[in-house]
Amino acid sequence: MKSVAKRTFKYQLIAALVCTFATSVYAETNYFCGVDNPTQAAQIETLIPTLYDIVSGRPEETKDWHLLKQLFSPGAMITPVFHKGEDVIAQPGSVDQFIDLNKRLFKDKGFFEREVSQKVFKFGHMANVLSVYESRRSPELAPYARGVNSFQLLNDGRRWCVLSVTWDSESEQHPVTAQILHLSD
C-alpha cells in the first residue's frame, strides 16, 4: 500500500511540475500583443509618441521598423483613407505592407509627423485614441498635411499594443476644425 501511495505522490508531483512549467511557458509566450515587451508599450502616453517618432525622419535616417512591428499586435491592420474627387478609397493592409509603403514613399524625402492633440477613451483593457497630426517634409517647414489617426489599442495584461489604426487626411470636404484641433479640451 505504501508503494502505491509513493508512486501516486510521485506522479502527482511530476504532474504538478509539468503543469507549472507549461503554465509558466504559456504565460511568457502567449500574450495577445506578442512575446516582445518593449518599454514604450507600457503606457498609452509612451506608445503613441513612439509610433510618430518611428515613422518620422530624414531620408537617410534608419527607422526602427522592428520596434514598430513590436508595438502592433500580430495580425494588426493599418488602413489609410484616400480621396480621389468624390471617391473615398480605404486600403487596409498589414504592418509589413505599411513599412514597405513608407520605405517607397519616403526613400528620397523627409517625413515628420507629430501629434497636435489627442483624445483617449479607455475602458477595461481597451482604448480608442483619436490623434490629430501634422505632416512636414522637415521639422523646420510648415505642415503640408493634417488629419486624424484613429488607434484601437488593447492591453493584454502586460502591455498595450495597436490592434488597428485608420487615418484620414484633411480635405476641403472635411477640414480639421478648431474643435478637432483641440480634442483634449
C-alpha atoms as a PDB file:
ATOM      1  CA  MET A   1       0.000   0.000   0.000  1.00  0.00           C
ATOM      2  CA  LYS A   2       2.868   2.373   0.824  1.00  0.00           C
ATOM      3  CA  SER A   3       4.481   1.848  -2.584  1.00  0.00           C
ATOM      4  CA  VAL A   4       1.202   2.690  -4.339  1.00  0.00           C
ATOM      5  CA  ALA A   5       0.901   5.848  -2.250  1.00  0.00           C
ATOM      6  CA  LYS A   6       4.542   6.752  -3.009  1.00  0.00           C
ATOM      7  CA  ARG A   7       4.014   6.210  -6.744  1.00  0.00           C
ATOM      8  CA  THR A   8       0.772   8.216  -6.683  1.00  0.00           C
ATOM      9  CA  PHE A   9       2.508  11.037  -4.840  1.00  0.00           C
ATOM     10  CA  LYS A  10       5.428  10.861  -7.272  1.00  0.00           C
ATOM     11  CA  TYR A  11       3.056  11.061 -10.278  1.00  0.00           C
ATOM     12  CA  GLN A  12       1.141  13.905  -8.681  1.00  0.00           C
ATOM     13  CA  LEU A  13       4.386  15.769  -8.068  1.00  0.00           C
ATOM     14  CA  ILE A  14       5.545  15.223 -11.658  1.00  0.00           C
ATOM     15  CA  ALA A  15       2.129  16.317 -12.975  1.00  0.00           C
ATOM     16  CA  ALA A  16       2.235  19.447 -10.813  1.00  0.00           C
ATOM     17  CA  LEU A  17       5.735  20.313 -12.047  1.00  0.00           C
ATOM     18  CA  VAL A  18       4.716  19.761 -15.687  1.00  0.00           C
ATOM     19  CA  CYS A  19       1.602  21.930 -15.208  1.00  0.00           C
ATOM     20  CA  THR A  20       3.644  24.647 -13.501  1.00  0.00           C
ATOM     21  CA  PHE A  21       6.213  24.589 -16.305  1.00  0.00           C
ATOM     22  CA  ALA A  22       3.509  24.574 -19.010  1.00  0.00           C
ATOM     23  CA  THR A  23       1.649  27.439 -17.333  1.00  0.00           C
ATOM     24  CA  SER A  24       4.891  29.381 -16.984  1.00  0.00           C
ATOM     25  CA  VAL A  25       5.770  28.875 -20.659  1.00  0.00           C
ATOM     26  CA  TYR A  26       2.206  29.798 -21.680  1.00  0.00           C
ATOM     27  CA  ALA A  27       2.289  32.937 -19.543  1.00  0.00           C
ATOM     28  CA  GLU A  28       5.616  34.011 -21.025  1.00  0.00           C
ATOM     29  CA  THR A  29       4.829  33.341 -24.675  1.00  0.00           C
ATOM     30  CA  ASN A  30       1.101  33.542 -25.319  1.00  0.00           C
ATOM     31  CA  TYR A  31       0.268  37.191 -24.782  1.00  0.00           C
ATOM     32  CA  PHE A  32      -2.136  38.682 -27.286  1.00  0.00           C
ATOM     33  CA  CYS A  33       0.233  41.575 -28.014  1.00  0.00           C
ATOM     34  CA  GLY A  34       3.105  39.185 -28.801  1.00  0.00           C
ATOM     35  CA  VAL A  35       6.112  37.837 -26.967  1.00  0.00           C
ATOM     36  CA  ASP A  36       8.073  41.094 -27.020  1.00  0.00           C
ATOM     37  CA  ASN A  37       7.527  43.612 -24.263  1.00  0.00           C
ATOM     38  CA  PRO A  38       9.036  46.962 -25.314  1.00  0.00           C
ATOM     39  CA  THR A  39       9.087  49.584 -22.575  1.00  0.00           C
ATOM     40  CA  GLN A  40       7.400  52.062 -24.947  1.00  0.00           C
ATOM     41  CA  ALA A  41       4.234  49.896 -24.822  1.00  0.00           C
ATOM     42  CA  ALA A  42       3.823  50.098 -21.041  1.00  0.00           C
ATOM     43  CA  GLN A  43       1.533  53.136 -21.291  1.00  0.00           C
ATOM     44  CA  ILE A  44      -0.597  54.799 -23.952  1.00  0.00           C
ATOM     45  CA  GLU A  45       1.276  58.024 -23.146  1.00  0.00           C
ATOM     46  CA  THR A  46       4.523  56.469 -24.404  1.00  0.00           C
ATOM     47  CA  LEU A  47       3.130  54.185 -27.133  1.00  0.00           C
ATOM     48  CA  ILE A  48       1.542  56.840 -29.361  1.00  0.00           C
ATOM     49  CA  PRO A  49       4.521  59.280 -29.381  1.00  0.00           C
ATOM     50  CA  THR A  50       6.840  56.359 -30.157  1.00  0.00           C
ATOM     51  CA  LEU A  51       4.777  55.494 -33.238  1.00  0.00           C
ATOM     52  CA  TYR A  52       5.120  59.071 -34.507  1.00  0.00           C
ATOM     53  CA  ASP A  53       8.863  59.076 -33.748  1.00  0.00           C
ATOM     54  CA  ILE A  54       9.463  55.849 -35.672  1.00  0.00           C
ATOM     55  CA  VAL A  55       7.791  56.984 -38.910  1.00  0.00           C
ATOM     56  CA  SER A  56       9.454  60.422 -38.787  1.00  0.00           C
ATOM     57  CA  GLY A  57      12.893  61.202 -40.125  1.00  0.00           C
ATOM     58  CA  ARG A  58      15.147  62.351 -42.928  1.00  0.00           C
ATOM     59  CA  PRO A  59      15.540  60.086 -45.982  1.00  0.00           C
ATOM     60  CA  GLU A  60      18.999  58.885 -44.941  1.00  0.00           C
ATOM     61  CA  GLU A  61      17.952  58.030 -41.379  1.00  0.00           C
ATOM     62  CA  THR A  62      17.358  54.405 -40.430  1.00  0.00           C
ATOM     63  CA  LYS A  63      13.942  53.858 -38.878  1.00  0.00           C
ATOM     64  CA  ASP A  64      13.291  51.294 -36.162  1.00  0.00           C
ATOM     65  CA  TRP A  65      10.836  49.136 -38.113  1.00  0.00           C
ATOM     66  CA  HIS A  66      11.465  46.219 -35.746  1.00  0.00           C
ATOM     67  CA  LEU A  67      10.166  48.268 -32.809  1.00  0.00           C
ATOM     68  CA  LEU A  68       7.194  49.427 -34.882  1.00  0.00           C
ATOM     69  CA  LYS A  69       6.238  45.786 -35.512  1.00  0.00           C
ATOM     70  CA  GLN A  70       6.567  45.041 -31.780  1.00  0.00           C
ATOM     71  CA  LEU A  71       4.116  47.829 -30.931  1.00  0.00           C
ATOM     72  CA  PHE A  72       1.374  46.265 -33.071  1.00  0.00           C
ATOM     73  CA  SER A  73      -0.466  43.041 -32.295  1.00  0.00           C
ATOM     74  CA  PRO A  74       0.178  40.116 -34.630  1.00  0.00           C
ATOM     75  CA  GLY A  75      -2.320  40.474 -37.466  1.00  0.00           C
ATOM     76  CA  ALA A  76      -2.921  44.199 -36.857  1.00  0.00           C
ATOM     77  CA  MET A  77      -4.471  46.246 -39.644  1.00  0.00           C
ATOM     78  CA  ILE A  78      -3.382  49.656 -40.906  1.00  0.00           C
ATOM     79  CA  THR A  79      -5.898  51.478 -43.083  1.00  0.00           C
ATOM     80  CA  PRO A  80      -5.171  54.757 -44.834  1.00  0.00           C
ATOM     81  CA  VAL A  81      -8.117  56.571 -46.407  1.00  0.00           C
ATOM     82  CA  PHE A  82      -7.533  58.333 -49.743  1.00  0.00           C
ATOM     83  CA  HIS A  83      -9.732  60.760 -51.664  1.00  0.00           C
ATOM     84  CA  LYS A  84      -9.934  60.977 -55.426  1.00  0.00           C
ATOM     85  CA  GLY A  85     -12.548  63.550 -56.303  1.00  0.00           C
ATOM     86  CA  GLU A  86     -15.821  62.276 -54.853  1.00  0.00           C
ATOM     87  CA  ASP A  87     -14.433  58.764 -54.310  1.00  0.00           C
ATOM     88  CA  VAL A  88     -13.201  57.505 -50.943  1.00  0.00           C
ATOM     89  CA  ILE A  89     -10.699  54.668 -51.078  1.00  0.00           C
ATOM     90  CA  ALA A  90      -9.695  52.681 -47.990  1.00  0.00           C
ATOM     91  CA  GLN A  91      -6.675  50.413 -48.344  1.00  0.00           C
ATOM     92  CA  PRO A  92      -6.346  48.071 -45.348  1.00  0.00           C
ATOM     93  CA  GLY A  93      -3.015  46.337 -45.033  1.00  0.00           C
ATOM     94  CA  SER A  94      -0.590  44.658 -42.690  1.00  0.00           C
ATOM     95  CA  VAL A  95       2.191  46.295 -40.705  1.00  0.00           C
ATOM     96  CA  ASP A  96       4.716  44.877 -43.197  1.00  0.00           C
ATOM     97  CA  GLN A  97       2.797  46.458 -46.095  1.00  0.00           C
ATOM     98  CA  PHE A  98       2.764  49.780 -44.228  1.00  0.00           C
ATOM     99  CA  ILE A  99       6.543  49.579 -43.712  1.00  0.00           C
ATOM    100  CA  ASP A 100       7.103  48.786 -47.411  1.00  0.00           C
ATOM    101  CA  LEU A 101       4.880  51.718 -48.420  1.00  0.00           C
ATOM    102  CA  ASN A 102       6.797  54.092 -46.134  1.00  0.00           C
ATOM    103  CA  LYS A 103      10.137  52.911 -47.486  1.00  0.00           C
ATOM    104  CA  ARG A 104       8.953  53.602 -51.046  1.00  0.00           C
ATOM    105  CA  LEU A 105       7.216  56.934 -50.387  1.00  0.00           C
ATOM    106  CA  PHE A 106       9.916  58.489 -48.225  1.00  0.00           C
ATOM    107  CA  LYS A 107      13.056  56.953 -49.708  1.00  0.00           C
ATOM    108  CA  ASP A 108      14.178  60.305 -51.141  1.00  0.00           C
ATOM    109  CA  LYS A 109      12.320  62.815 -48.971  1.00  0.00           C
ATOM    110  CA  GLY A 110      11.898  63.613 -45.332  1.00  0.00           C
ATOM    111  CA  PHE A 111       8.725  62.874 -43.445  1.00  0.00           C
ATOM    112  CA  PHE A 112       7.998  64.233 -39.989  1.00  0.00           C
ATOM    113  CA  GLU A 113       4.676  63.618 -38.327  1.00  0.00           C
ATOM    114  CA  ARG A 114       3.750  64.983 -34.945  1.00  0.00           C
ATOM    115  CA  GLU A 115       0.699  64.843 -32.767  1.00  0.00           C
ATOM    116  CA  VAL A 116      -1.172  68.125 -32.277  1.00  0.00           C
ATOM    117  CA  SER A 117      -3.895  66.901 -29.917  1.00  0.00           C
ATOM    118  CA  GLN A 118      -5.328  63.674 -28.593  1.00  0.00           C
ATOM    119  CA  LYS A 119      -8.489  62.250 -27.067  1.00  0.00           C
ATOM    120  CA  VAL A 120      -8.365  58.885 -25.256  1.00  0.00           C
ATOM    121  CA  PHE A 121     -11.365  56.736 -24.391  1.00  0.00           C
ATOM    122  CA  LYS A 122     -10.284  53.862 -22.163  1.00  0.00           C
ATOM    123  CA  PHE A 123     -12.425  51.060 -20.786  1.00  0.00           C
ATOM    124  CA  GLY A 124     -11.016  47.954 -19.124  1.00  0.00           C
ATOM    125  CA  HIS A 125      -8.306  46.529 -21.347  1.00  0.00           C
ATOM    126  CA  MET A 126      -9.178  48.507 -24.466  1.00  0.00           C
ATOM    127  CA  ALA A 127      -8.656  52.071 -25.577  1.00  0.00           C
ATOM    128  CA  ASN A 128      -9.508  54.219 -28.574  1.00  0.00           C
ATOM    129  CA  VAL A 129      -7.215  57.128 -29.269  1.00  0.00           C
ATOM    130  CA  LEU A 130      -8.078  59.939 -31.687  1.00  0.00           C
ATOM    131  CA  SER A 131      -4.841  61.691 -32.551  1.00  0.00           C
ATOM    132  CA  VAL A 132      -4.736  64.842 -34.674  1.00  0.00           C
ATOM    133  CA  TYR A 133      -1.475  65.019 -36.648  1.00  0.00           C
ATOM    134  CA  GLU A 134       0.547  67.358 -38.844  1.00  0.00           C
ATOM    135  CA  SER A 135       2.956  66.136 -41.521  1.00  0.00           C
ATOM    136  CA  ARG A 136       6.077  68.016 -42.639  1.00  0.00           C
ATOM    137  CA  ARG A 137       8.975  67.362 -45.011  1.00  0.00           C
ATOM    138  CA  SER A 138      11.335  68.789 -42.381  1.00  0.00           C
ATOM    139  CA  PRO A 139      10.798  69.864 -38.759  1.00  0.00           C
ATOM    140  CA  GLU A 140      11.563  73.472 -39.780  1.00  0.00           C
ATOM    141  CA  LEU A 141       8.925  73.613 -42.542  1.00  0.00           C
ATOM    142  CA  ALA A 142       5.225  74.338 -42.305  1.00  0.00           C
ATOM    143  CA  PRO A 143       2.877  71.324 -42.363  1.00  0.00           C
ATOM    144  CA  TYR A 144       1.824  70.136 -45.808  1.00  0.00           C
ATOM    145  CA  ALA A 145      -0.919  67.853 -44.440  1.00  0.00           C
ATOM    146  CA  ARG A 146      -3.078  67.372 -41.377  1.00  0.00           C
ATOM    147  CA  GLY A 147      -5.550  64.718 -40.362  1.00  0.00           C
ATOM    148  CA  VAL A 148      -6.713  62.320 -37.680  1.00  0.00           C
ATOM    149  CA  ASN A 149      -5.342  58.908 -36.723  1.00  0.00           C
ATOM    150  CA  SER A 150      -7.801  56.570 -35.003  1.00  0.00           C
ATOM    151  CA  PHE A 151      -5.912  53.983 -32.943  1.00  0.00           C
ATOM    152  CA  GLN A 152      -7.609  50.929 -31.430  1.00  0.00           C
ATOM    153  CA  LEU A 153      -5.481  49.564 -28.588  1.00  0.00           C
ATOM    154  CA  LEU A 154      -5.557  46.547 -26.300  1.00  0.00           C
ATOM    155  CA  ASN A 155      -3.766  45.821 -23.057  1.00  0.00           C
ATOM    156  CA  ASP A 156      -3.116  42.082 -22.762  1.00  0.00           C
ATOM    157  CA  GLY A 157      -2.426  42.320 -19.027  1.00  0.00           C
ATOM    158  CA  ARG A 158       1.213  43.125 -19.582  1.00  0.00           C
ATOM    159  CA  ARG A 159       1.386  45.935 -22.133  1.00  0.00           C
ATOM    160  CA  TRP A 160      -0.508  47.948 -24.744  1.00  0.00           C
ATOM    161  CA  CYS A 161      -0.471  47.165 -28.451  1.00  0.00           C
ATOM    162  CA  VAL A 162      -2.147  48.567 -31.547  1.00  0.00           C
ATOM    163  CA  LEU A 163      -4.922  46.362 -32.962  1.00  0.00           C
ATOM    164  CA  SER A 164      -5.603  48.740 -35.830  1.00  0.00           C
ATOM    165  CA  VAL A 165      -5.106  52.273 -36.988  1.00  0.00           C
ATOM    166  CA  THR A 166      -7.108  54.166 -39.589  1.00  0.00           C
ATOM    167  CA  TRP A 167      -6.389  57.681 -40.699  1.00  0.00           C
ATOM    168  CA  ASP A 168      -7.969  60.285 -42.890  1.00  0.00           C
ATOM    169  CA  SER A 169      -6.294  63.453 -44.098  1.00  0.00           C
ATOM    170  CA  GLU A 170      -7.807  66.883 -44.158  1.00  0.00           C
ATOM    171  CA  SER A 171      -9.600  67.931 -47.342  1.00  0.00           C
ATOM    172  CA  GLU A 172     -11.978  70.672 -48.467  1.00  0.00           C
ATOM    173  CA  GLN A 173     -14.883  68.308 -47.733  1.00  0.00           C
ATOM    174  CA  HIS A 174     -13.719  67.693 -44.173  1.00  0.00           C
ATOM    175  CA  PRO A 175     -11.297  70.285 -42.825  1.00  0.00           C
ATOM    176  CA  VAL A 176      -9.526  69.989 -39.498  1.00  0.00           C
ATOM    177  CA  THR A 177     -11.628  72.413 -37.460  1.00  0.00           C
ATOM    178  CA  ALA A 178     -10.714  74.226 -34.254  1.00  0.00           C
ATOM    179  CA  GLN A 179     -12.868  71.697 -32.371  1.00  0.00           C
ATOM    180  CA  ILE A 180     -10.878  68.789 -33.818  1.00  0.00           C
ATOM    181  CA  LEU A 181      -7.560  70.545 -33.190  1.00  0.00           C
ATOM    182  CA  HIS A 182      -8.475  70.832 -29.509  1.00  0.00           C
ATOM    183  CA  LEU A 183      -9.770  67.312 -28.843  1.00  0.00           C
ATOM    184  CA  SER A 184      -8.252  67.238 -25.393  1.00  0.00           C
ATOM    185  CA  ASP A 185     -10.160  70.335 -24.223  1.00  0.00           C
END
